[in-house]
PDB file of N, CA and C in Angstrom:
ATOM      1  N   MET A   1      91.222  91.520  38.697  1.00  0.00           N
ATOM      2  CA  MET A   1      91.599  92.617  38.321  1.00  0.00           C
ATOM      3  C   MET A   1      91.303  93.792  39.425  1.00  0.00           C
ATOM      4  N   THR A   2      92.128  94.879  39.392  1.00  0.00           N
ATOM      5  CA  THR A   2      91.595  96.130  40.419  1.00  0.00           C
ATOM      6  C   THR A   2      91.033  97.187  39.743  1.00  0.00           C
ATOM      7  N   VAL A   3      90.415  97.907  40.293  1.00  0.00           N
ATOM      8  CA  VAL A   3      89.625  99.131  39.985  1.00  0.00           C
ATOM      9  C   VAL A   3      90.542  99.681  38.898  1.00  0.00           C
ATOM     10  N   GLY A   4      91.943 100.311  39.845  1.00  0.00           N
ATOM     11  CA  GLY A   4      92.951 100.531  39.060  1.00  0.00           C
ATOM     12  C   GLY A   4      93.330 100.135  37.538  1.00  0.00           C
ATOM     13  N   GLU A   5      93.370  98.974  37.433  1.00  0.00           N
ATOM     14  CA  GLU A   5      93.540  98.258  35.709  1.00  0.00           C
ATOM     15  C   GLU A   5      92.491  98.240  35.147  1.00  0.00           C
ATOM     16  N   TRP A   6      91.435  97.989  35.713  1.00  0.00           N
ATOM     17  CA  TRP A   6      90.233  98.227  34.722  1.00  0.00           C
ATOM     18  C   TRP A   6      90.351  99.622  34.223  1.00  0.00           C
ATOM     19  N   LEU A   7      90.228 101.044  35.264  1.00  0.00           N
ATOM     20  CA  LEU A   7      90.232 101.871  34.588  1.00  0.00           C
ATOM     21  C   LEU A   7      91.089 102.350  33.471  1.00  0.00           C
ATOM     22  N   HIS A   8      92.634 101.908  33.906  1.00  0.00           N
ATOM     23  CA  HIS A   8      93.657 102.411  32.995  1.00  0.00           C
ATOM     24  C   HIS A   8      93.578 101.580  31.904  1.00  0.00           C
ATOM     25  N   ALA A   9      92.614 100.577  31.583  1.00  0.00           N
ATOM     26  CA  ALA A   9      92.481  99.963  30.625  1.00  0.00           C
ATOM     27  C   ALA A   9      91.208 100.221  29.712  1.00  0.00           C
ATOM     28  N   ARG A  10      90.450 101.317  29.939  1.00  0.00           N
ATOM     29  CA  ARG A  10      89.644 101.792  28.882  1.00  0.00           C
ATOM     30  C   ARG A  10      89.745 102.862  28.007  1.00  0.00           C
ATOM     31  N   SER A  11      89.338 102.456  27.141  1.00  0.00           N
ATOM     32  CA  SER A  11      89.536 102.676  25.563  1.00  0.00           C
ATOM     33  C   SER A  11      88.200 103.515  24.967  1.00  0.00           C
ATOM     34  N   PRO A  12      88.097 104.641  24.570  1.00  0.00           N
ATOM     35  CA  PRO A  12      89.597 105.716  24.649  1.00  0.00           C
ATOM     36  C   PRO A  12      89.895 106.569  25.633  1.00  0.00           C
ATOM     37  N   LYS A  13      91.217 106.442  25.761  1.00  0.00           N
ATOM     38  CA  LYS A  13      91.508 106.833  27.613  1.00  0.00           C
ATOM     39  C   LYS A  13      91.665 108.254  27.466  1.00  0.00           C
ATOM     40  N   PRO A  14      91.441 108.662  28.408  1.00  0.00           N
ATOM     41  CA  PRO A  14      90.892 110.348  28.840  1.00  0.00           C
ATOM     42  C   PRO A  14      92.112 111.038  28.773  1.00  0.00           C
ATOM     43  N   PRO A  15      92.212 112.311  28.583  1.00  0.00           N
ATOM     44  CA  PRO A  15      93.396 113.303  28.254  1.00  0.00           C
ATOM     45  C   PRO A  15      94.172 112.811  29.530  1.00  0.00           C
ATOM     46  N   PRO A  16      95.455 113.225  29.449  1.00  0.00           N
ATOM     47  CA  PRO A  16      96.298 112.793  30.587  1.00  0.00           C
ATOM     48  C   PRO A  16      95.873 113.757  32.186  1.00  0.00           C
ATOM     49  N   ALA A  17      95.490 114.945  32.034  1.00  0.00           N
ATOM     50  CA  ALA A  17      95.290 115.781  32.963  1.00  0.00           C
ATOM     51  C   ALA A  17      93.975 115.206  33.491  1.00  0.00           C
ATOM     52  N   LEU A  18      93.025 114.910  33.248  1.00  0.00           N
ATOM     53  CA  LEU A  18      91.792 114.292  33.741  1.00  0.00           C
ATOM     54  C   LEU A  18      92.346 112.574  34.263  1.00  0.00           C
ATOM     55  N   ALA A  19      92.714 111.861  33.119  1.00  0.00           N
ATOM     56  CA  ALA A  19      93.273 110.486  34.147  1.00  0.00           C
ATOM     57  C   ALA A  19      94.165 110.772  35.181  1.00  0.00           C
ATOM     58  N   ALA A  20      95.076 111.949  35.359  1.00  0.00           N
ATOM     59  CA  ALA A  20      95.386 112.093  36.694  1.00  0.00           C
ATOM     60  C   ALA A  20      94.811 112.280  37.691  1.00  0.00           C
ATOM     61  N   ARG A  21      93.587 113.138  37.503  1.00  0.00           N
ATOM     62  CA  ARG A  21      92.600 113.607  38.378  1.00  0.00           C
ATOM     63  C   ARG A  21      91.717 112.298  38.951  1.00  0.00           C
ATOM     64  N   LEU A  22      91.434 111.813  37.948  1.00  0.00           N
ATOM     65  CA  LEU A  22      90.873 110.572  38.458  1.00  0.00           C
ATOM     66  C   LEU A  22      91.615 109.500  39.387  1.00  0.00           C
ATOM     67  N   ASP A  23      92.646 109.373  38.819  1.00  0.00           N
ATOM     68  CA  ASP A  23      93.795 108.566  39.972  1.00  0.00           C
ATOM     69  C   ASP A  23      93.766 109.148  41.464  1.00  0.00           C
ATOM     70  N   ALA A  24      93.820 110.329  41.515  1.00  0.00           N
ATOM     71  CA  ALA A  24      93.832 110.942  42.492  1.00  0.00           C
ATOM     72  C   ALA A  24      92.476 111.001  43.648  1.00  0.00           C
ATOM     73  N   ALA A  25      91.521 111.088  42.862  1.00  0.00           N
ATOM     74  CA  ALA A  25      90.090 111.182  43.450  1.00  0.00           C
ATOM     75  C   ALA A  25      89.854 109.579  43.869  1.00  0.00           C
ATOM     76  N   LEU A  26      90.322 108.642  43.247  1.00  0.00           N
ATOM     77  CA  LEU A  26      90.289 107.009  43.842  1.00  0.00           C
ATOM     78  C   LEU A  26      91.116 106.935  44.279  1.00  0.00           C
ATOM     79  N   GLU A  27      92.616 107.312  44.665  1.00  0.00           N
ATOM     80  CA  GLU A  27      93.606 107.122  45.685  1.00  0.00           C
ATOM     81  C   GLU A  27      93.821 105.493  46.084  1.00  0.00           C
ATOM     82  N   SER A  28      93.577 104.900  47.107  1.00  0.00           N
ATOM     83  CA  SER A  28      93.916 103.897  47.501  1.00  0.00           C
ATOM     84  C   SER A  28      92.440 102.910  46.858  1.00  0.00           C
ATOM     85  N   ALA A  29      91.684 103.483  46.420  1.00  0.00           N
ATOM     86  CA  ALA A  29      90.324 102.445  45.822  1.00  0.00           C
ATOM     87  C   ALA A  29      90.846 102.003  44.586  1.00  0.00           C
ATOM     88  N   LEU A  30      92.131 102.213  43.792  1.00  0.00           N
ATOM     89  CA  LEU A  30      92.553 102.018  42.569  1.00  0.00           C
ATOM     90  C   LEU A  30      93.073 100.422  43.051  1.00  0.00           C
ATOM     91  N   ALA A  31      93.343 100.107  44.413  1.00  0.00           N
ATOM     92  CA  ALA A  31      93.876  98.949  44.467  1.00  0.00           C
ATOM     93  C   ALA A  31      92.844  97.983  44.897  1.00  0.00           C
ATOM     94  N   GLU A  32      91.411  98.409  45.250  1.00  0.00           N
ATOM     95  CA  GLU A  32      90.444  97.533  45.518  1.00  0.00           C
ATOM     96  C   GLU A  32      90.001  96.409  44.349  1.00  0.00           C
ATOM     97  N   PRO A  33      89.224  95.667  44.698  1.00  0.00           N
ATOM     98  CA  PRO A  33      88.843  94.274  43.568  1.00  0.00           C
ATOM     99  C   PRO A  33      87.856  95.280  42.849  1.00  0.00           C
ATOM    100  N   LEU A  34      87.842  94.774  41.546  1.00  0.00           N
ATOM    101  CA  LEU A  34      86.791  95.368  40.451  1.00  0.00           C
ATOM    102  C   LEU A  34      85.292  95.154  41.229  1.00  0.00           C
ATOM    103  N   GLU A  35      85.180  94.257  41.370  1.00  0.00           N
ATOM    104  CA  GLU A  35      83.485  94.117  41.942  1.00  0.00           C
ATOM    105  C   GLU A  35      83.046  95.249  42.912  1.00  0.00           C
ATOM    106  N   ARG A  36      84.065  95.850  43.272  1.00  0.00           N
ATOM    107  CA  ARG A  36      83.776  97.198  44.380  1.00  0.00           C
ATOM    108  C   ARG A  36      83.783  98.581  43.317  1.00  0.00           C
ATOM    109  N   ALA A  37      83.669  98.364  42.125  1.00  0.00           N
ATOM    110  CA  ALA A  37      84.114  99.596  41.208  1.00  0.00           C
ATOM    111  C   ALA A  37      82.921 100.660  41.148  1.00  0.00           C
ATOM    112  N   PRO A  38      81.586 100.006  40.991  1.00  0.00           N
ATOM    113  CA  PRO A  38      80.597 100.803  40.746  1.00  0.00           C
ATOM    114  C   PRO A  38      80.401 101.418  42.113  1.00  0.00           C
ATOM    115  N   ALA A  39      80.560 101.266  43.387  1.00  0.00           N
ATOM    116  CA  ALA A  39      80.079 102.013  44.538  1.00  0.00           C
ATOM    117  C   ALA A  39      81.313 102.779  44.536  1.00  0.00           C
ATOM    118  N   LEU A  40      82.498 102.235  44.487  1.00  0.00           N
ATOM    119  CA  LEU A  40      84.014 103.390  44.492  1.00  0.00           C
ATOM    120  C   LEU A  40      84.099 104.775  44.007  1.00  0.00           C
ATOM    121  N   PHE A  41      83.685 104.420  42.649  1.00  0.00           N
ATOM    122  CA  PHE A  41      83.628 105.682  41.234  1.00  0.00           C
ATOM    123  C   PHE A  41      82.351 106.571  41.889  1.00  0.00           C
ATOM    124  N   LEU A  42      81.291 106.004  42.207  1.00  0.00           N
ATOM    125  CA  LEU A  42      79.977 106.904  42.769  1.00  0.00           C
ATOM    126  C   LEU A  42      80.656 107.777  43.865  1.00  0.00           C
ATOM    127  N   ASP A  43      81.506 107.077  44.904  1.00  0.00           N
ATOM    128  CA  ASP A  43      81.846 107.510  45.799  1.00  0.00           C
ATOM    129  C   ASP A  43      82.756 108.851  45.700  1.00  0.00           C
ATOM    130  N   ALA A  44      83.681 108.263  44.890  1.00  0.00           N
ATOM    131  CA  ALA A  44      84.732 109.410  44.301  1.00  0.00           C
ATOM    132  C   ALA A  44      84.204 110.317  43.846  1.00  0.00           C
ATOM    133  N   GLY A  45      83.048 110.301  42.828  1.00  0.00           N
ATOM    134  CA  GLY A  45      82.159 111.320  42.236  1.00  0.00           C
ATOM    135  C   GLY A  45      81.658 111.905  43.067  1.00  0.00           C
ATOM    136  N   GLU A  46      80.896 111.591  43.908  1.00  0.00           N
ATOM    137  CA  GLU A  46      79.984 112.399  44.981  1.00  0.00           C
ATOM    138  C   GLU A  46      81.183 113.355  45.745  1.00  0.00           C
ATOM    139  N   ARG A  47      82.453 112.988  46.118  1.00  0.00           N
ATOM    140  CA  ARG A  47      83.005 113.641  46.908  1.00  0.00           C
ATOM    141  C   ARG A  47      83.816 115.034  46.067  1.00  0.00           C
ATOM    142  N   ILE A  48      83.772 114.767  45.045  1.00  0.00           N
ATOM    143  CA  ILE A  48      84.201 115.997  43.910  1.00  0.00           C
ATOM    144  C   ILE A  48      82.902 116.743  43.767  1.00  0.00           C
ATOM    145  N   ALA A  49      81.917 116.168  43.632  1.00  0.00           N
ATOM    146  CA  ALA A  49      80.881 117.100  43.051  1.00  0.00           C
ATOM    147  C   ALA A  49      80.448 117.915  44.677  1.00  0.00           C
ATOM    148  N   ALA A  50      80.589 117.145  45.880  1.00  0.00           N
ATOM    149  CA  ALA A  50      80.302 117.806  46.796  1.00  0.00           C
ATOM    150  C   ALA A  50      80.810 119.341  47.188  1.00  0.00           C
ATOM    151  N   ARG A  51      82.552 119.023  46.933  1.00  0.00           N
ATOM    152  CA  ARG A  51      83.249 120.196  47.063  1.00  0.00           C
ATOM    153  C   ARG A  51      83.081 121.166  45.997  1.00  0.00           C
ATOM    154  N   LEU A  52      82.291 120.798  44.830  1.00  0.00           N
ATOM    155  CA  LEU A  52      82.202 121.865  43.576  1.00  0.00           C
ATOM    156  C   LEU A  52      80.893 122.417  44.292  1.00  0.00           C
ATOM    157  N   MET A  53      80.193 121.928  44.626  1.00  0.00           N
ATOM    158  CA  MET A  53      79.019 122.578  45.122  1.00  0.00           C
ATOM    159  C   MET A  53      78.981 123.669  46.746  1.00  0.00           C
ATOM    160  N   ARG A  54      79.871 123.083  46.801  1.00  0.00           N
ATOM    161  CA  ARG A  54      80.238 124.180  48.707  1.00  0.00           C
ATOM    162  C   ARG A  54      81.023 125.166  48.287  1.00  0.00           C
ATOM    163  N   ASP A  55      82.077 124.618  47.204  1.00  0.00           N
ATOM    164  CA  ASP A  55      83.163 125.954  47.025  1.00  0.00           C
ATOM    165  C   ASP A  55      82.476 126.757  46.293  1.00  0.00           C
ATOM    166  N   GLU A  56      83.153 127.691  46.007  1.00  0.00           N
ATOM    167  CA  GLU A  56      83.137 128.765  44.753  1.00  0.00           C
ATOM    168  C   GLU A  56      83.674 128.021  43.921  1.00  0.00           C
ATOM    169  N   THR A  57      83.298 128.140  42.338  1.00  0.00           N
ATOM    170  CA  THR A  57      83.540 127.720  41.201  1.00  0.00           C
ATOM    171  C   THR A  57      84.245 128.569  40.395  1.00  0.00           C
ATOM    172  N   SER A  58      84.891 127.927  39.328  1.00  0.00           N
ATOM    173  CA  SER A  58      85.148 129.153  38.538  1.00  0.00           C
ATOM    174  C   SER A  58      85.825 128.092  37.429  1.00  0.00           C
ATOM    175  N   ARG A  59      86.619 128.814  35.995  1.00  0.00           N
ATOM    176  CA  ARG A  59      87.028 127.636  34.810  1.00  0.00           C
ATOM    177  C   ARG A  59      87.598 126.845  35.352  1.00  0.00           C
ATOM    178  N   ALA A  60      88.601 127.259  36.562  1.00  0.00           N
ATOM    179  CA  ALA A  60      89.575 125.930  36.973  1.00  0.00           C
ATOM    180  C   ALA A  60      88.828 124.975  37.291  1.00  0.00           C
ATOM    181  N   SER A  61      87.565 124.800  37.744  1.00  0.00           N
ATOM    182  CA  SER A  61      86.844 123.895  38.422  1.00  0.00           C
ATOM    183  C   SER A  61      86.309 122.892  37.490  1.00  0.00           C
ATOM    184  N   ALA A  62      86.488 123.245  36.059  1.00  0.00           N
ATOM    185  CA  ALA A  62      86.325 122.298  35.100  1.00  0.00           C
ATOM    186  C   ALA A  62      86.738 120.956  34.973  1.00  0.00           C
ATOM    187  N   LEU A  63      88.075 120.845  35.455  1.00  0.00           N
ATOM    188  CA  LEU A  63      88.531 119.554  35.460  1.00  0.00           C
ATOM    189  C   LEU A  63      88.049 118.389  36.013  1.00  0.00           C
ATOM    190  N   ASP A  64      87.544 119.422  37.775  1.00  0.00           N
ATOM    191  CA  ASP A  64      86.892 118.437  38.734  1.00  0.00           C
ATOM    192  C   ASP A  64      85.617 118.078  38.058  1.00  0.00           C
ATOM    193  N   LEU A  65      84.831 119.178  37.414  1.00  0.00           N
ATOM    194  CA  LEU A  65      83.303 119.040  37.161  1.00  0.00           C
ATOM    195  C   LEU A  65      83.662 117.934  35.824  1.00  0.00           C
ATOM    196  N   LEU A  66      84.743 117.601  35.251  1.00  0.00           N
ATOM    197  CA  LEU A  66      84.876 116.731  34.240  1.00  0.00           C
ATOM    198  C   LEU A  66      85.177 115.327  35.017  1.00  0.00           C
ATOM    199  N   ALA A  67      85.880 115.192  35.923  1.00  0.00           N
ATOM    200  CA  ALA A  67      86.341 114.017  36.618  1.00  0.00           C
ATOM    201  C   ALA A  67      84.911 113.739  37.299  1.00  0.00           C
ATOM    202  N   ALA A  68      84.267 114.268  37.848  1.00  0.00           N
ATOM    203  CA  ALA A  68      83.042 113.613  38.641  1.00  0.00           C
ATOM    204  C   ALA A  68      82.173 112.760  37.807  1.00  0.00           C
ATOM    205  N   ASP A  69      81.933 113.570  36.462  1.00  0.00           N
ATOM    206  CA  ASP A  69      81.057 113.087  35.428  1.00  0.00           C
ATOM    207  C   ASP A  69      81.788 111.754  34.955  1.00  0.00           C
ATOM    208  N   ALA A  70      82.909 111.621  34.918  1.00  0.00           N
ATOM    209  CA  ALA A  70      83.572 110.674  33.717  1.00  0.00           C
ATOM    210  C   ALA A  70      83.649 109.209  35.157  1.00  0.00           C
ATOM    211  N   LEU A  71      83.460 109.734  36.627  1.00  0.00           N
ATOM    212  CA  LEU A  71      83.438 108.742  37.637  1.00  0.00           C
ATOM    213  C   LEU A  71      82.195 108.354  37.776  1.00  0.00           C
ATOM    214  N   VAL A  72      81.411 109.094  37.730  1.00  0.00           N
ATOM    215  CA  VAL A  72      79.574 108.424  37.434  1.00  0.00           C
ATOM    216  C   VAL A  72      79.564 107.767  36.087  1.00  0.00           C
ATOM    217  N   THR A  73      80.162 107.847  35.083  1.00  0.00           N
ATOM    218  CA  THR A  73      79.845 107.128  34.093  1.00  0.00           C
ATOM    219  C   THR A  73      80.383 105.921  34.207  1.00  0.00           C
ATOM    220  N   TYR A  74      81.831 105.789  34.574  1.00  0.00           N
ATOM    221  CA  TYR A  74      82.593 104.603  34.920  1.00  0.00           C
ATOM    222  C   TYR A  74      81.779 103.338  35.828  1.00  0.00           C
ATOM    223  N   ALA A  75      81.307 104.256  36.860  1.00  0.00           N
ATOM    224  CA  ALA A  75      80.262 103.679  37.471  1.00  0.00           C
ATOM    225  C   ALA A  75      79.038 102.758  36.958  1.00  0.00           C
ATOM    226  N   PHE A  76      78.561 103.459  36.154  1.00  0.00           N
ATOM    227  CA  PHE A  76      77.474 102.740  35.301  1.00  0.00           C
ATOM    228  C   PHE A  76      78.043 101.658  34.069  1.00  0.00           C
ATOM    229  N   GLU A  77      79.466 102.019  33.846  1.00  0.00           N
ATOM    230  CA  GLU A  77      79.960 100.944  32.921  1.00  0.00           C
ATOM    231  C   GLU A  77      80.350 100.030  33.481  1.00  0.00           C
ATOM    232  N   ALA A  78      81.239 100.050  34.606  1.00  0.00           N
ATOM    233  CA  ALA A  78      81.689  98.921  35.119  1.00  0.00           C
ATOM    234  C   ALA A  78      80.244  98.212  35.928  1.00  0.00           C
ATOM    235  N   ALA A  79      79.421  98.476  36.259  1.00  0.00           N
ATOM    236  CA  ALA A  79      78.322  98.037  36.917  1.00  0.00           C
ATOM    237  C   ALA A  79      77.461  97.275  35.607  1.00  0.00           C
ATOM    238  N   GLY A  80      77.457  97.777  34.418  1.00  0.00           N
ATOM    239  CA  GLY A  80      77.019  97.263  33.402  1.00  0.00           C
ATOM    240  C   GLY A  80      77.718  95.804  32.646  1.00  0.00           C
ATOM    241  N   GLU A  81      79.162  95.705  33.118  1.00  0.00           N
ATOM    242  CA  GLU A  81      80.218  94.806  32.699  1.00  0.00           C
ATOM    243  C   GLU A  81      79.891  93.508  33.772  1.00  0.00           C
ATOM    244  N   GLN A  82      79.475  94.190  34.782  1.00  0.00           N
ATOM    245  CA  GLN A  82      79.401  92.930  36.011  1.00  0.00           C
ATOM    246  C   GLN A  82      77.962  92.614  36.081  1.00  0.00           C
ATOM    247  N   SER A  83      76.706  92.953  35.278  1.00  0.00           N
ATOM    248  CA  SER A  83      75.568  92.633  35.471  1.00  0.00           C
ATOM    249  C   SER A  83      75.375  93.052  36.551  1.00  0.00           C
ATOM    250  N   ALA A  84      75.435  94.243  37.390  1.00  0.00           N
ATOM    251  CA  ALA A  84      74.988  94.528  38.431  1.00  0.00           C
ATOM    252  C   ALA A  84      73.434  95.160  38.069  1.00  0.00           C
ATOM    253  N   ASP A  85      72.853  95.601  39.234  1.00  0.00           N
ATOM    254  CA  ASP A  85      71.432  95.893  38.802  1.00  0.00           C
ATOM    255  C   ASP A  85      71.615  97.436  38.758  1.00  0.00           C
ATOM    256  N   ALA A  86      71.653  98.064  37.542  1.00  0.00           N
ATOM    257  CA  ALA A  86      71.559  99.233  37.016  1.00  0.00           C
ATOM    258  C   ALA A  86      70.322 100.054  37.835  1.00  0.00           C
ATOM    259  N   CYS A  87      69.430  99.910  37.596  1.00  0.00           N
ATOM    260  CA  CYS A  87      68.317 100.205  38.303  1.00  0.00           C
ATOM    261  C   CYS A  87      68.464 100.845  39.484  1.00  0.00           C
ATOM    262  N   ALA A  88      68.969 100.062  40.484  1.00  0.00           N
ATOM    263  CA  ALA A  88      69.406 100.114  42.276  1.00  0.00           C
ATOM    264  C   ALA A  88      70.456 101.073  42.085  1.00  0.00           C
ATOM    265  N   LEU A  89      71.579 101.018  41.094  1.00  0.00           N
ATOM    266  CA  LEU A  89      72.483 101.650  41.362  1.00  0.00           C
ATOM    267  C   LEU A  89      72.042 103.394  40.613  1.00  0.00           C
ATOM    268  N   ALA A  90      71.295 103.373  39.674  1.00  0.00           N
ATOM    269  CA  ALA A  90      70.525 104.616  39.004  1.00  0.00           C
ATOM    270  C   ALA A  90      70.044 105.414  40.374  1.00  0.00           C
ATOM    271  N   SER A  91      68.910 104.350  41.185  1.00  0.00           N
ATOM    272  CA  SER A  91      68.548 104.903  42.400  1.00  0.00           C
ATOM    273  C   SER A  91      69.173 105.900  43.413  1.00  0.00           C
ATOM    274  N   ALA A  92      70.454 104.742  43.814  1.00  0.00           N
ATOM    275  CA  ALA A  92      70.787 105.089  44.702  1.00  0.00           C
ATOM    276  C   ALA A  92      71.608 106.377  44.532  1.00  0.00           C
ATOM    277  N   ALA A  93      72.049 106.494  43.310  1.00  0.00           N
ATOM    278  CA  ALA A  93      73.157 107.827  42.881  1.00  0.00           C
ATOM    279  C   ALA A  93      72.014 108.907  42.588  1.00  0.00           C
ATOM    280  N   MET A  94      71.041 108.736  42.292  1.00  0.00           N
ATOM    281  CA  MET A  94      69.944 109.943  42.375  1.00  0.00           C
ATOM    282  C   MET A  94      69.601 110.282  43.514  1.00  0.00           C
ATOM    283  N   ASP A  95      69.725 109.511  44.470  1.00  0.00           N
ATOM    284  CA  ASP A  95      69.399 109.872  45.843  1.00  0.00           C
ATOM    285  C   ASP A  95      70.802 110.735  46.366  1.00  0.00           C
ATOM    286  N   ARG A  96      71.805 109.910  45.909  1.00  0.00           N
ATOM    287  CA  ARG A  96      72.766 110.667  46.534  1.00  0.00           C
ATOM    288  C   ARG A  96      73.312 112.244  46.035  1.00  0.00           C
ATOM    289  N   ILE A  97      72.979 112.714  44.872  1.00  0.00           N
ATOM    290  CA  ILE A  97      72.986 113.474  44.069  1.00  0.00           C
ATOM    291  C   ILE A  97      72.026 114.952  44.883  1.00  0.00           C
ATOM    292  N   ALA A  98      70.803 114.182  45.079  1.00  0.00           N
ATOM    293  CA  ALA A  98      69.327 115.023  45.254  1.00  0.00           C
ATOM    294  C   ALA A  98      70.099 115.680  46.963  1.00  0.00           C
ATOM    295  N   THR A  99      70.407 114.734  47.840  1.00  0.00           N
ATOM    296  CA  THR A  99      71.201 114.762  48.862  1.00  0.00           C
ATOM    297  C   THR A  99      72.213 116.136  49.157  1.00  0.00           C
ATOM    298  N   LEU A 100      73.306 115.821  47.886  1.00  0.00           N
ATOM    299  CA  LEU A 100      74.315 116.947  47.669  1.00  0.00           C
ATOM    300  C   LEU A 100      73.721 118.070  47.538  1.00  0.00           C
ATOM    301  N   ALA A 101      72.319 118.285  46.482  1.00  0.00           N
ATOM    302  CA  ALA A 101      72.030 119.405  46.116  1.00  0.00           C
ATOM    303  C   ALA A 101      71.164 120.292  47.395  1.00  0.00           C
ATOM    304  N   THR A 102      70.585 119.449  48.049  1.00  0.00           N
ATOM    305  CA  THR A 102      70.057 119.815  49.391  1.00  0.00           C
ATOM    306  C   THR A 102      70.652 120.300  50.310  1.00  0.00           C
ATOM    307  N   ALA A 103      71.683 119.839  50.771  1.00  0.00           N
ATOM    308  CA  ALA A 103      72.917 120.247  51.386  1.00  0.00           C
ATOM    309  C   ALA A 103      73.730 121.423  51.039  1.00  0.00           C
ATOM    310  N   SER A 104      73.499 121.730  49.912  1.00  0.00           N
ATOM    311  CA  SER A 104      74.398 122.804  49.378  1.00  0.00           C
ATOM    312  C   SER A 104      73.807 124.163  49.023  1.00  0.00           C
ATOM    313  N   THR A 105      72.879 124.398  50.406  1.00  0.00           N
ATOM    314  CA  THR A 105      71.908 125.536  49.786  1.00  0.00           C
ATOM    315  C   THR A 105      72.558 126.928  49.856  1.00  0.00           C
ATOM    316  N   THR A 106      72.747 127.720  49.582  1.00  0.00           N
ATOM    317  CA  THR A 106      73.568 129.072  49.332  1.00  0.00           C
ATOM    318  C   THR A 106      72.366 130.160  49.853  1.00  0.00           C
ATOM    319  N   SER A 107      73.218 131.258  50.313  1.00  0.00           N
ATOM    320  CA  SER A 107      72.503 132.375  50.788  1.00  0.00           C
ATOM    321  C   SER A 107      71.837 133.337  49.490  1.00  0.00           C
ATOM    322  N   GLU A 108      70.909 133.918  49.580  1.00  0.00           N
ATOM    323  CA  GLU A 108      69.978 134.322  48.736  1.00  0.00           C
ATOM    324  C   GLU A 108      70.946 135.240  47.942  1.00  0.00           C
ATOM    325  N   GLU A 109      71.852 135.777  48.349  1.00  0.00           N
ATOM    326  CA  GLU A 109      72.859 137.050  47.462  1.00  0.00           C
ATOM    327  C   GLU A 109      73.743 135.837  46.308  1.00  0.00           C
ATOM    328  N   GLN A 110      74.285 134.721  47.061  1.00  0.00           N
ATOM    329  CA  GLN A 110      74.930 133.848  46.072  1.00  0.00           C
ATOM    330  C   GLN A 110      74.147 133.449  44.959  1.00  0.00           C
ATOM    331  N   GLN A 111      72.840 133.134  45.281  1.00  0.00           N
ATOM    332  CA  GLN A 111      71.854 132.716  44.467  1.00  0.00           C
ATOM    333  C   GLN A 111      71.650 133.827  43.203  1.00  0.00           C
ATOM    334  N   VAL A 112      71.261 135.068  43.596  1.00  0.00           N
ATOM    335  CA  VAL A 112      71.150 136.170  42.806  1.00  0.00           C
ATOM    336  C   VAL A 112      72.408 136.450  41.719  1.00  0.00           C
ATOM    337  N   GLN A 113      73.513 136.289  42.283  1.00  0.00           N
ATOM    338  CA  GLN A 113      74.694 136.335  41.879  1.00  0.00           C
ATOM    339  C   GLN A 113      75.133 135.024  40.707  1.00  0.00           C
ATOM    340  N   ALA A 114      74.642 133.883  41.166  1.00  0.00           N
ATOM    341  CA  ALA A 114      74.755 133.069  39.846  1.00  0.00           C
ATOM    342  C   ALA A 114      73.819 133.086  38.960  1.00  0.00           C
ATOM    343  N   LEU A 115      72.197 133.729  39.267  1.00  0.00           N
ATOM    344  CA  LEU A 115      71.637 133.773  38.174  1.00  0.00           C
ATOM    345  C   LEU A 115      72.063 135.068  37.272  1.00  0.00           C
ATOM    346  N   ARG A 116      73.073 135.862  37.769  1.00  0.00           N
ATOM    347  CA  ARG A 116      73.345 137.172  36.758  1.00  0.00           C
ATOM    348  C   ARG A 116      74.453 136.617  36.078  1.00  0.00           C
ATOM    349  N   PHE A 117      75.165 135.840  36.519  1.00  0.00           N
ATOM    350  CA  PHE A 117      76.236 135.243  35.905  1.00  0.00           C
ATOM    351  C   PHE A 117      75.706 134.399  34.931  1.00  0.00           C
ATOM    352  N   ALA A 118      74.647 133.424  35.096  1.00  0.00           N
ATOM    353  CA  ALA A 118      74.061 132.436  34.300  1.00  0.00           C
ATOM    354  C   ALA A 118      73.760 133.398  33.140  1.00  0.00           C
ATOM    355  N   HIS A 119      72.827 134.402  33.292  1.00  0.00           N
ATOM    356  CA  HIS A 119      72.398 135.373  31.892  1.00  0.00           C
ATOM    357  C   HIS A 119      73.259 136.274  31.488  1.00  0.00           C
ATOM    358  N   GLY A 120      74.878 136.173  32.049  1.00  0.00           N
ATOM    359  CA  GLY A 120      75.614 137.199  30.916  1.00  0.00           C
ATOM    360  C   GLY A 120      76.473 138.291  31.880  1.00  0.00           C
ATOM    361  N   ASP A 121      75.416 138.712  32.767  1.00  0.00           N
ATOM    362  CA  ASP A 121      75.958 139.994  33.869  1.00  0.00           C
ATOM    363  C   ASP A 121      77.111 139.245  34.588  1.00  0.00           C
ATOM    364  N   LYS A 122      78.287 139.258  34.530  1.00  0.00           N
ATOM    365  CA  LYS A 122      79.479 138.798  34.844  1.00  0.00           C
ATOM    366  C   LYS A 122      79.830 139.671  36.179  1.00  0.00           C
ATOM    367  N   THR A 123      79.196 140.756  36.382  1.00  0.00           N
ATOM    368  CA  THR A 123      79.892 141.866  37.517  1.00  0.00           C
ATOM    369  C   THR A 123      78.915 141.285  38.662  1.00  0.00           C
ATOM    370  N   SER A 124      79.559 141.744  39.990  1.00  0.00           N
ATOM    371  CA  SER A 124      78.742 141.382  41.328  1.00  0.00           C
ATOM    372  C   SER A 124      77.881 142.482  41.871  1.00  0.00           C
ATOM    373  N   GLY A 125      77.932 143.279  41.114  1.00  0.00           N
ATOM    374  CA  GLY A 125      76.808 144.585  41.437  1.00  0.00           C
ATOM    375  C   GLY A 125      75.645 144.551  40.863  1.00  0.00           C
ATOM    376  N   ALA A 126      75.468 145.558  40.167  1.00  0.00           N
ATOM    377  CA  ALA A 126      73.656 145.764  39.683  1.00  0.00           C
ATOM    378  C   ALA A 126      73.579 144.494  38.798  1.00  0.00           C
TER     379      ALA A 126
END
């Protein structure tokens, strides 16, 4: 079984837009053997998360955020079905996510704007 066959057999199926985004994120990895699924899902989720952390985000980024979340979830689901070491996978995933967070440092002004937005002030000024 391939990664793509496994993914497309999941139930419940993701909404069509999310399914298309997952396929696009995985690209050629869809043809890889299922044994590689946990690492491939984590890789694809990490790529999306890295871009989200690097680029300016908006409501339009929601689908990418959902895709990153789904890919990481599928990584653990596939690992569980393969009796893989979930603790090692979790540790590796946490390390990779922490590295993303460290690499995506922003300017002080961007941090202030993000805090304002989070607290309801949608303006970029005061």
